[in-house]
Amino acid sequence: DDTENIMYLQMNSLEPEDTAVYYCAADPTAYGSTYVICRENEYRD
């Protein structure tokens, strides 16, 4: 929600393997229309 500056992760049908510490991250990189990189070292904040 860019107007409220909030991001969400809805998690359904949770499994024991989902147990972890969850982190949100953001980065100013501008991606094209066909992909987004989802690797830890690509996110700054």
All heavy atoms as atom14 arrays in JSON, in Angstrom:
{
  "sequence": "DDTENIMYLQMNSLEPEDTAVYYCAADPTAYGSTYVICRENEYRD",
  "atom14_mask": [
    [1, 1, 1, 1, 1, 1, 1, 1, 0, 0, 0, 0, 0, 0],
    [1, 1, 1, 1, 1, 1, 1, 1, 0, 0, 0, 0, 0, 0],
    [1, 1, 1, 1, 1, 1, 1, 0, 0, 0, 0, 0, 0, 0],
    [1, 1, 1, 1, 1, 1, 1, 1, 1, 0, 0, 0, 0, 0],
    [1, 1, 1, 1, 1, 1, 1, 1, 0, 0, 0, 0, 0, 0],
    [1, 1, 1, 1, 1, 1, 1, 1, 0, 0, 0, 0, 0, 0],
    [1, 1, 1, 1, 1, 1, 1, 1, 0, 0, 0, 0, 0, 0],
    [1, 1, 1, 1, 1, 1, 1, 1, 1, 1, 1, 1, 0, 0],
    [1, 1, 1, 1, 1, 1, 1, 1, 0, 0, 0, 0, 0, 0],
    [1, 1, 1, 1, 1, 1, 1, 1, 1, 0, 0, 0, 0, 0],
    [1, 1, 1, 1, 1, 1, 1, 1, 0, 0, 0, 0, 0, 0],
    [1, 1, 1, 1, 1, 1, 1, 1, 0, 0, 0, 0, 0, 0],
    [1, 1, 1, 1, 1, 1, 0, 0, 0, 0, 0, 0, 0, 0],
    [1, 1, 1, 1, 1, 1, 1, 1, 0, 0, 0, 0, 0, 0],
    [1, 1, 1, 1, 1, 1, 1, 1, 1, 0, 0, 0, 0, 0],
    [1, 1, 1, 1, 1, 1, 1, 0, 0, 0, 0, 0, 0, 0],
    [1, 1, 1, 1, 1, 1, 1, 1, 1, 0, 0, 0, 0, 0],
    [1, 1, 1, 1, 1, 1, 1, 1, 0, 0, 0, 0, 0, 0],
    [1, 1, 1, 1, 1, 1, 1, 0, 0, 0, 0, 0, 0, 0],
    [1, 1, 1, 1, 1, 0, 0, 0, 0, 0, 0, 0, 0, 0],
    [1, 1, 1, 1, 1, 1, 1, 0, 0, 0, 0, 0, 0, 0],
    [1, 1, 1, 1, 1, 1, 1, 1, 1, 1, 1, 1, 0, 0],
    [1, 1, 1, 1, 1, 1, 1, 1, 1, 1, 1, 1, 0, 0],
    [1, 1, 1, 1, 1, 1, 0, 0, 0, 0, 0, 0, 0, 0],
    [1, 1, 1, 1, 1, 0, 0, 0, 0, 0, 0, 0, 0, 0],
    [1, 1, 1, 1, 1, 0, 0, 0, 0, 0, 0, 0, 0, 0],
    [1, 1, 1, 1, 1, 1, 1, 1, 0, 0, 0, 0, 0, 0],
    [1, 1, 1, 1, 1, 1, 1, 0, 0, 0, 0, 0, 0, 0],
    [1, 1, 1, 1, 1, 1, 1, 0, 0, 0, 0, 0, 0, 0],
    [1, 1, 1, 1, 1, 0, 0, 0, 0, 0, 0, 0, 0, 0],
    [1, 1, 1, 1, 1, 1, 1, 1, 1, 1, 1, 1, 0, 0],
    [1, 1, 1, 1, 0, 0, 0, 0, 0, 0, 0, 0, 0, 0],
    [1, 1, 1, 1, 1, 1, 0, 0, 0, 0, 0, 0, 0, 0],
    [1, 1, 1, 1, 1, 1, 1, 0, 0, 0, 0, 0, 0, 0],
    [1, 1, 1, 1, 1, 1, 1, 1, 1, 1, 1, 1, 0, 0],
    [1, 1, 1, 1, 1, 1, 1, 0, 0, 0, 0, 0, 0, 0],
    [1, 1, 1, 1, 1, 1, 1, 1, 0, 0, 0, 0, 0, 0],
    [1, 1, 1, 1, 1, 1, 0, 0, 0, 0, 0, 0, 0, 0],
    [1, 1, 1, 1, 1, 1, 1, 1, 1, 1, 1, 0, 0, 0],
    [1, 1, 1, 1, 1, 1, 1, 1, 1, 0, 0, 0, 0, 0],
    [1, 1, 1, 1, 1, 1, 1, 1, 0, 0, 0, 0, 0, 0],
    [1, 1, 1, 1, 1, 1, 1, 1, 1, 0, 0, 0, 0, 0],
    [1, 1, 1, 1, 1, 1, 1, 1, 1, 1, 1, 1, 0, 0],
    [1, 1, 1, 1, 1, 1, 1, 1, 1, 1, 1, 0, 0, 0],
    [1, 1, 1, 1, 1, 1, 1, 1, 0, 0, 0, 0, 0, 0]
  ],
  "atom14_positions": [
    [[0.88, -1.17, 0.0], [0.0, 0.0, 0.0], [0.92, 1.22, 0.0], [1.41, 1.64, 1.05], [-0.91, -0.02, 1.24], [-1.91, 1.12, 1.23], [-1.68, 2.14, 0.55], [-2.92, 1.0, 1.92], [0.0, 0.0, 0.0], [0.0, 0.0, 0.0], [0.0, 0.0, 0.0], [0.0, 0.0, 0.0], [0.0, 0.0, 0.0], [0.0, 0.0, 0.0]],
    [[1.14, 1.74, -1.18], [2.11, 2.83, -1.32], [1.59, 4.13, -0.72], [2.39, 5.02, -0.41], [2.49, 3.02, -2.78], [3.27, 1.84, -3.35], [3.84, 1.08, -2.54], [3.31, 1.69, -4.58], [0.0, 0.0, 0.0], [0.0, 0.0, 0.0], [0.0, 0.0, 0.0], [0.0, 0.0, 0.0], [0.0, 0.0, 0.0], [0.0, 0.0, 0.0]],
    [[0.29, 4.26, -0.55], [-0.23, 5.49, 0.06], [-0.02, 5.49, 1.57], [0.15, 6.54, 2.18], [-1.72, 5.66, -0.25], [-2.43, 4.53, 0.27], [-1.95, 5.74, -1.74], [0.0, 0.0, 0.0], [0.0, 0.0, 0.0], [0.0, 0.0, 0.0], [0.0, 0.0, 0.0], [0.0, 0.0, 0.0], [0.0, 0.0, 0.0], [0.0, 0.0, 0.0]],
    [[-0.05, 4.29, 2.15], [0.16, 4.17, 3.59], [1.58, 3.76, 3.94], [1.92, 3.66, 5.13], [-0.83, 3.14, 4.17], [-2.28, 3.52, 4.02], [-2.65, 4.71, 4.88], [-2.0, 4.94, 5.93], [-3.59, 5.43, 4.51], [0.0, 0.0, 0.0], [0.0, 0.0, 0.0], [0.0, 0.0, 0.0], [0.0, 0.0, 0.0], [0.0, 0.0, 0.0]],
    [[2.39, 3.5, 2.93], [3.78, 3.07, 3.14], [3.89, 1.8, 3.98], [4.71, 1.7, 4.91], [4.62, 4.19, 3.77], [4.85, 5.33, 2.8], [5.04, 5.11, 1.6], [4.84, 6.55, 3.3], [0.0, 0.0, 0.0], [0.0, 0.0, 0.0], [0.0, 0.0, 0.0], [0.0, 0.0, 0.0], [0.0, 0.0, 0.0], [0.0, 0.0, 0.0]],
    [[3.05, 0.84, 3.65], [3.04, -0.44, 4.35], [3.08, -1.56, 3.32], [2.46, -1.47, 2.27], [1.78, -0.6, 5.23], [1.71, 0.49, 6.29], [1.78, -1.97, 5.91], [0.46, 0.43, 7.14], [0.0, 0.0, 0.0], [0.0, 0.0, 0.0], [0.0, 0.0, 0.0], [0.0, 0.0, 0.0], [0.0, 0.0, 0.0], [0.0, 0.0, 0.0]],
    [[3.8, -2.6, 3.65], [3.83, -3.79, 2.82], [3.36, -4.97, 3.66], [3.46, -4.97, 4.89], [5.22, -4.05, 2.26], [6.33, -4.05, 3.28], [7.97, -4.0, 2.55], [8.18, -5.68, 2.05], [0.0, 0.0, 0.0], [0.0, 0.0, 0.0], [0.0, 0.0, 0.0], [0.0, 0.0, 0.0], [0.0, 0.0, 0.0], [0.0, 0.0, 0.0]],
    [[2.82, -5.97, 2.97], [2.21, -7.11, 3.65], [2.69, -8.43, 3.06], [3.09, -8.51, 1.9], [0.68, -7.06, 3.53], [0.04, -5.82, 4.08], [-0.34, -4.77, 3.23], [-0.21, -5.69, 5.45], [-0.94, -3.64, 3.74], [-0.81, -4.55, 5.95], [-1.17, -3.53, 5.09], [-1.78, -2.4, 5.59], [0.0, 0.0, 0.0], [0.0, 0.0, 0.0]],
    [[2.59, -9.46, 3.9], [2.76, -10.82, 3.41], [1.66, -11.66, 4.04], [1.67, -11.9, 5.25], [4.13, -11.39, 3.78], [4.41, -12.79, 3.22], [4.55, -12.73, 1.69], [5.67, -13.39, 3.85], [0.0, 0.0, 0.0], [0.0, 0.0, 0.0], [0.0, 0.0, 0.0], [0.0, 0.0, 0.0], [0.0, 0.0, 0.0], [0.0, 0.0, 0.0]],
    [[0.68, -12.04, 3.24], [-0.38, -12.91, 3.69], [0.08, -14.35, 3.54], [0.45, -14.78, 2.44], [-1.65, -12.69, 2.87], [-2.8, -13.6, 3.25], [-3.33, -13.34, 4.64], [-3.5, -12.19, 5.04], [-3.59, -14.4, 5.4], [0.0, 0.0, 0.0], [0.0, 0.0, 0.0], [0.0, 0.0, 0.0], [0.0, 0.0, 0.0], [0.0, 0.0, 0.0]],
    [[0.07, -15.08, 4.64], [0.57, -16.45, 4.63], [-0.57, -17.4, 5.02], [-1.1, -17.31, 6.13], [1.73, -16.6, 5.62], [2.86, -15.61, 5.38], [4.29, -15.91, 6.43], [3.6, -15.57, 8.04], [0.0, 0.0, 0.0], [0.0, 0.0, 0.0], [0.0, 0.0, 0.0], [0.0, 0.0, 0.0], [0.0, 0.0, 0.0], [0.0, 0.0, 0.0]],
    [[-0.94, -18.26, 4.1], [-2.01, -19.23, 4.33], [-1.45, -20.65, 4.29], [-0.34, -20.87, 3.79], [-3.1, -19.07, 3.28], [-3.76, -17.71, 3.31], [-3.88, -17.08, 4.37], [-4.19, -17.24, 2.15], [0.0, 0.0, 0.0], [0.0, 0.0, 0.0], [0.0, 0.0, 0.0], [0.0, 0.0, 0.0], [0.0, 0.0, 0.0], [0.0, 0.0, 0.0]],
    [[-2.22, -21.58, 4.79], [-1.83, -23.0, 4.78], [-0.41, -23.18, 5.3], [0.43, -23.86, 4.69], [-1.95, -23.58, 3.36], [-3.27, -23.44, 2.88], [0.0, 0.0, 0.0], [0.0, 0.0, 0.0], [0.0, 0.0, 0.0], [0.0, 0.0, 0.0], [0.0, 0.0, 0.0], [0.0, 0.0, 0.0], [0.0, 0.0, 0.0], [0.0, 0.0, 0.0]],
    [[-0.13, -22.58, 6.43], [1.23, -22.6, 6.97], [1.65, -24.0, 7.35], [0.84, -24.81, 7.83], [1.32, -21.65, 8.16], [1.41, -20.17, 7.76], [1.04, -19.27, 8.92], [2.81, -19.85, 7.26], [0.0, 0.0, 0.0], [0.0, 0.0, 0.0], [0.0, 0.0, 0.0], [0.0, 0.0, 0.0], [0.0, 0.0, 0.0], [0.0, 0.0, 0.0]],
    [[2.92, -24.26, 7.16], [3.52, -25.56, 7.44], [4.65, -25.38, 8.45], [5.23, -24.29, 8.54], [4.08, -26.15, 6.14], [3.05, -26.28, 5.04], [3.67, -26.59, 3.68], [4.92, -26.57, 3.59], [2.91, -26.85, 2.72], [0.0, 0.0, 0.0], [0.0, 0.0, 0.0], [0.0, 0.0, 0.0], [0.0, 0.0, 0.0], [0.0, 0.0, 0.0]],
    [[4.98, -26.44, 9.18], [6.11, -26.31, 10.13], [7.39, -25.82, 9.46], [8.19, -25.12, 10.09], [6.26, -27.74, 10.66], [4.88, -28.31, 10.57], [4.29, -27.73, 9.32], [0.0, 0.0, 0.0], [0.0, 0.0, 0.0], [0.0, 0.0, 0.0], [0.0, 0.0, 0.0], [0.0, 0.0, 0.0], [0.0, 0.0, 0.0], [0.0, 0.0, 0.0]],
    [[7.58, -26.15, 8.18], [8.78, -25.72, 7.46], [8.81, -24.21, 7.22], [9.84, -23.67, 6.81], [8.86, -26.44, 6.12], [9.11, -27.95, 6.23], [7.89, -28.73, 6.66], [6.75, -28.2, 6.53], [8.05, -29.86, 7.15], [0.0, 0.0, 0.0], [0.0, 0.0, 0.0], [0.0, 0.0, 0.0], [0.0, 0.0, 0.0], [0.0, 0.0, 0.0]],
    [[7.7, -23.52, 7.46], [7.67, -22.07, 7.32], [8.19, -21.36, 8.57], [8.32, -20.13, 8.57], [6.24, -21.6, 7.04], [5.7, -22.12, 5.72], [6.45, -22.12, 4.72], [4.53, -22.55, 5.69], [0.0, 0.0, 0.0], [0.0, 0.0, 0.0], [0.0, 0.0, 0.0], [0.0, 0.0, 0.0], [0.0, 0.0, 0.0], [0.0, 0.0, 0.0]],
    [[8.48, -22.11, 9.6], [9.0, -21.52, 10.83], [10.34, -20.83, 10.57], [11.26, -21.44, 10.04], [9.16, -22.6, 11.91], [7.87, -23.11, 12.26], [9.83, -22.03, 13.16], [0.0, 0.0, 0.0], [0.0, 0.0, 0.0], [0.0, 0.0, 0.0], [0.0, 0.0, 0.0], [0.0, 0.0, 0.0], [0.0, 0.0, 0.0], [0.0, 0.0, 0.0]],
    [[10.41, -19.55, 10.92], [11.62, -18.77, 10.65], [11.41, -17.36, 11.2], [10.3, -16.99, 11.59], [11.9, -18.7, 9.15], [0.0, 0.0, 0.0], [0.0, 0.0, 0.0], [0.0, 0.0, 0.0], [0.0, 0.0, 0.0], [0.0, 0.0, 0.0], [0.0, 0.0, 0.0], [0.0, 0.0, 0.0], [0.0, 0.0, 0.0], [0.0, 0.0, 0.0]],
    [[12.5, -16.61, 11.2], [12.39, -15.16, 11.4], [12.17, -14.54, 10.02], [12.93, -14.81, 9.08], [13.65, -14.58, 12.06], [13.52, -13.07, 12.21], [13.86, -15.23, 13.43], [0.0, 0.0, 0.0], [0.0, 0.0, 0.0], [0.0, 0.0, 0.0], [0.0, 0.0, 0.0], [0.0, 0.0, 0.0], [0.0, 0.0, 0.0], [0.0, 0.0, 0.0]],
    [[11.13, -13.74, 9.92], [10.78, -13.1, 8.65], [11.2, -11.63, 8.68], [10.94, -10.91, 9.65], [9.28, -13.22, 8.41], [8.87, -14.59, 7.95], [8.88, -15.67, 8.83], [8.5, -14.83, 6.63], [8.54, -16.94, 8.41], [8.15, -16.1, 6.2], [8.17, -17.15, 7.09], [7.82, -18.41, 6.67], [0.0, 0.0, 0.0], [0.0, 0.0, 0.0]],
    [[11.83, -11.22, 7.59], [12.33, -9.85, 7.45], [11.7, -9.19, 6.23], [11.55, -9.82, 5.19], [13.84, -9.85, 7.25], [14.64, -10.48, 8.36], [14.9, -11.84, 8.37], [15.16, -9.69, 9.39], [15.64, -12.42, 9.38], [15.91, -10.26, 10.41], [16.14, -11.62, 10.4], [16.88, -12.19, 11.4], [0.0, 0.0, 0.0], [0.0, 0.0, 0.0]],
    [[11.39, -7.91, 6.36], [11.02, -7.14, 5.18], [12.24, -6.32, 4.75], [13.1, -5.99, 5.57], [9.82, -6.25, 5.42], [10.0, -5.02, 6.74], [0.0, 0.0, 0.0], [0.0, 0.0, 0.0], [0.0, 0.0, 0.0], [0.0, 0.0, 0.0], [0.0, 0.0, 0.0], [0.0, 0.0, 0.0], [0.0, 0.0, 0.0], [0.0, 0.0, 0.0]],
    [[12.3, -6.03, 3.46], [13.43, -5.31, 2.91], [12.97, -4.45, 1.75], [11.94, -4.73, 1.12], [14.51, -6.28, 2.46], [0.0, 0.0, 0.0], [0.0, 0.0, 0.0], [0.0, 0.0, 0.0], [0.0, 0.0, 0.0], [0.0, 0.0, 0.0], [0.0, 0.0, 0.0], [0.0, 0.0, 0.0], [0.0, 0.0, 0.0], [0.0, 0.0, 0.0]],
    [[13.78, -3.43, 1.45], [13.44, -2.53, 0.36], [14.71, -2.06, -0.33], [15.78, -2.0, 0.29], [12.65, -1.33, 0.89], [0.0, 0.0, 0.0], [0.0, 0.0, 0.0], [0.0, 0.0, 0.0], [0.0, 0.0, 0.0], [0.0, 0.0, 0.0], [0.0, 0.0, 0.0], [0.0, 0.0, 0.0], [0.0, 0.0, 0.0], [0.0, 0.0, 0.0]],
    [[14.58, -1.74, -1.6], [15.74, -1.26, -2.36], [15.27, -0.36, -3.5], [14.25, -0.65, -4.13], [16.51, -2.44, -2.93], [17.86, -2.02, -3.48], [18.81, -1.93, -2.67], [17.94, -1.74, -4.68], [0.0, 0.0, 0.0], [0.0, 0.0, 0.0], [0.0, 0.0, 0.0], [0.0, 0.0, 0.0], [0.0, 0.0, 0.0], [0.0, 0.0, 0.0]],
    [[15.99, 0.72, -3.8], [15.55, 1.65, -4.82], [15.81, 1.2, -6.26], [15.5, 1.94, -7.2], [16.36, 2.91, -4.51], [17.59, 2.42, -3.83], [17.16, 1.22, -3.05], [0.0, 0.0, 0.0], [0.0, 0.0, 0.0], [0.0, 0.0, 0.0], [0.0, 0.0, 0.0], [0.0, 0.0, 0.0], [0.0, 0.0, 0.0], [0.0, 0.0, 0.0]],
    [[16.33, 0.0, -6.47], [16.57, -0.47, -7.82], [15.28, -0.48, -8.63], [14.27, -0.99, -8.19], [17.17, -1.88, -7.81], [18.41, -1.84, -7.11], [17.39, -2.4, -9.21], [0.0, 0.0, 0.0], [0.0, 0.0, 0.0], [0.0, 0.0, 0.0], [0.0, 0.0, 0.0], [0.0, 0.0, 0.0], [0.0, 0.0, 0.0], [0.0, 0.0, 0.0]],
    [[15.36, 0.07, -9.85], [14.2, 0.08, -10.75], [14.29, -1.12, -11.69], [15.21, -1.23, -12.48], [14.17, 1.37, -11.54], [0.0, 0.0, 0.0], [0.0, 0.0, 0.0], [0.0, 0.0, 0.0], [0.0, 0.0, 0.0], [0.0, 0.0, 0.0], [0.0, 0.0, 0.0], [0.0, 0.0, 0.0], [0.0, 0.0, 0.0], [0.0, 0.0, 0.0]],
    [[13.33, -2.03, -11.58], [13.32, -3.21, -12.41], [12.45, -3.0, -13.65], [11.55, -2.16, -13.65], [12.8, -4.42, -11.63], [13.75, -4.89, -10.58], [13.6, -4.49, -9.25], [14.83, -5.71, -10.89], [14.49, -4.9, -8.27], [15.73, -6.12, -9.92], [15.55, -5.71, -8.62], [16.44, -6.13, -7.67], [0.0, 0.0, 0.0], [0.0, 0.0, 0.0]],
    [[12.72, -3.8, -14.65], [11.88, -3.78, -15.84], [10.57, -4.48, -15.6], [10.25, -4.87, -14.48], [0.0, 0.0, 0.0], [0.0, 0.0, 0.0], [0.0, 0.0, 0.0], [0.0, 0.0, 0.0], [0.0, 0.0, 0.0], [0.0, 0.0, 0.0], [0.0, 0.0, 0.0], [0.0, 0.0, 0.0], [0.0, 0.0, 0.0], [0.0, 0.0, 0.0]],
    [[9.83, -4.69, -16.65], [8.48, -5.21, -16.51], [8.41, -6.72, -16.38], [7.37, -7.27, -16.08], [7.63, -4.78, -17.7], [8.17, -5.32, -18.9], [0.0, 0.0, 0.0], [0.0, 0.0, 0.0], [0.0, 0.0, 0.0], [0.0, 0.0, 0.0], [0.0, 0.0, 0.0], [0.0, 0.0, 0.0], [0.0, 0.0, 0.0], [0.0, 0.0, 0.0]],
    [[9.53, -7.41, -16.61], [9.45, -8.87, -16.7], [10.07, -9.61, -15.52], [9.95, -10.82, -15.44], [10.14, -9.36, -17.99], [11.5, -8.94, -17.96], [9.44, -8.79, -19.22], [0.0, 0.0, 0.0], [0.0, 0.0, 0.0], [0.0, 0.0, 0.0], [0.0, 0.0, 0.0], [0.0, 0.0, 0.0], [0.0, 0.0, 0.0], [0.0, 0.0, 0.0]],
    [[10.72, -8.92, -14.61], [11.38, -9.64, -13.55], [11.61, -8.75, -12.34], [11.56, -7.53, -12.43], [12.73, -10.2, -14.02], [13.8, -9.14, -14.15], [14.77, -9.0, -13.17], [13.82, -8.29, -15.25], [15.74, -8.02, -13.28], [14.79, -7.31, -15.36], [15.75, -7.18, -14.37], [16.7, -6.21, -14.47], [0.0, 0.0, 0.0], [0.0, 0.0, 0.0]],
    [[11.84, -9.39, -11.21], [12.32, -8.71, -10.01], [13.28, -9.68, -9.33], [13.02, -10.88, -9.27], [11.17, -8.3, -9.07], [10.34, -9.51, -8.64], [11.69, -7.54, -7.86], [0.0, 0.0, 0.0], [0.0, 0.0, 0.0], [0.0, 0.0, 0.0], [0.0, 0.0, 0.0], [0.0, 0.0, 0.0], [0.0, 0.0, 0.0], [0.0, 0.0, 0.0]],
    [[14.38, -9.18, -8.84], [15.36, -10.02, -8.17], [15.0, -10.12, -6.7], [14.67, -9.11, -6.06], [16.78, -9.47, -8.36], [17.16, -9.52, -9.84], [17.78, -10.27, -7.53], [18.51, -8.93, -10.16], [0.0, 0.0, 0.0], [0.0, 0.0, 0.0], [0.0, 0.0, 0.0], [0.0, 0.0, 0.0], [0.0, 0.0, 0.0], [0.0, 0.0, 0.0]],
    [[15.07, -11.31, -6.18], [14.68, -11.55, -4.79], [15.82, -12.24, -4.05], [15.64, -13.33, -3.49], [13.39, -12.37, -4.75], [12.45, -12.2, -3.21], [0.0, 0.0, 0.0], [0.0, 0.0, 0.0], [0.0, 0.0, 0.0], [0.0, 0.0, 0.0], [0.0, 0.0, 0.0], [0.0, 0.0, 0.0], [0.0, 0.0, 0.0], [0.0, 0.0, 0.0]],
    [[16.96, -11.62, -4.07], [18.14, -12.15, -3.36], [18.56, -11.16, -2.29], [18.51, -9.93, -2.49], [19.28, -12.4, -4.32], [19.09, -13.6, -5.21], [20.4, -14.01, -5.88], [20.92, -12.97, -6.75], [20.68, -12.91, -8.04], [19.9, -13.81, -8.61], [21.2, -11.96, -8.76], [0.0, 0.0, 0.0], [0.0, 0.0, 0.0], [0.0, 0.0, 0.0]],
    [[19.02, -11.69, -1.18], [19.34, -10.87, -0.02], [20.3, -9.73, -0.37], [20.1, -8.58, 0.07], [19.96, -11.76, 1.06], [20.43, -11.02, 2.31], [21.07, -11.93, 3.31], [21.3, -13.13, 2.99], [21.35, -11.48, 4.43], [0.0, 0.0, 0.0], [0.0, 0.0, 0.0], [0.0, 0.0, 0.0], [0.0, 0.0, 0.0], [0.0, 0.0, 0.0]],
    [[21.33, -10.0, -1.13], [22.36, -8.99, -1.37], [21.91, -7.89, -2.33], [22.66, -6.95, -2.59], [23.65, -9.63, -1.86], [23.48, -10.39, -3.16], [22.38, -10.52, -3.67], [24.58, -10.91, -3.68], [0.0, 0.0, 0.0], [0.0, 0.0, 0.0], [0.0, 0.0, 0.0], [0.0, 0.0, 0.0], [0.0, 0.0, 0.0], [0.0, 0.0, 0.0]],
    [[20.69, -8.0, -2.85], [20.17, -6.97, -3.73], [19.33, -5.93, -2.99], [18.85, -4.98, -3.62], [19.31, -7.62, -4.83], [20.09, -8.57, -5.73], [21.06, -7.86, -6.65], [20.86, -6.67, -6.93], [22.04, -8.51, -7.08], [0.0, 0.0, 0.0], [0.0, 0.0, 0.0], [0.0, 0.0, 0.0], [0.0, 0.0, 0.0], [0.0, 0.0, 0.0]],
    [[19.14, -6.1, -1.7], [18.26, -5.21, -0.94], [19.05, -4.45, 0.11], [19.82, -5.04, 0.88], [17.1, -6.01, -0.31], [16.11, -6.41, -1.37], [16.4, -7.47, -2.23], [14.95, -5.69, -1.57], [15.52, -7.81, -3.26], [14.06, -6.02, -2.58], [14.36, -7.09, -3.43], [13.5, -7.41, -4.44], [0.0, 0.0, 0.0], [0.0, 0.0, 0.0]],
    [[18.85, -3.16, 0.13], [19.68, -2.28, 0.94], [19.15, -2.07, 2.35], [19.92, -2.03, 3.29], [19.78, -0.91, 0.25], [20.71, 0.08, 0.9], [20.63, 1.43, 0.21], [19.35, 2.07, 0.5], [18.97, 3.24, -0.04], [19.74, 3.84, -0.92], [17.82, 3.77, 0.29], [0.0, 0.0, 0.0], [0.0, 0.0, 0.0], [0.0, 0.0, 0.0]],
    [[17.85, -1.89, 2.49], [17.27, -1.51, 3.78], [16.45, -2.67, 4.35], [15.66, -3.28, 3.63], [16.38, -0.28, 3.61], [17.15, 0.9, 3.04], [18.24, 1.2, 3.57], [16.68, 1.5, 2.06], [0.0, 0.0, 0.0], [0.0, 0.0, 0.0], [0.0, 0.0, 0.0], [0.0, 0.0, 0.0], [0.0, 0.0, 0.0], [0.0, 0.0, 0.0]]
  ]
}
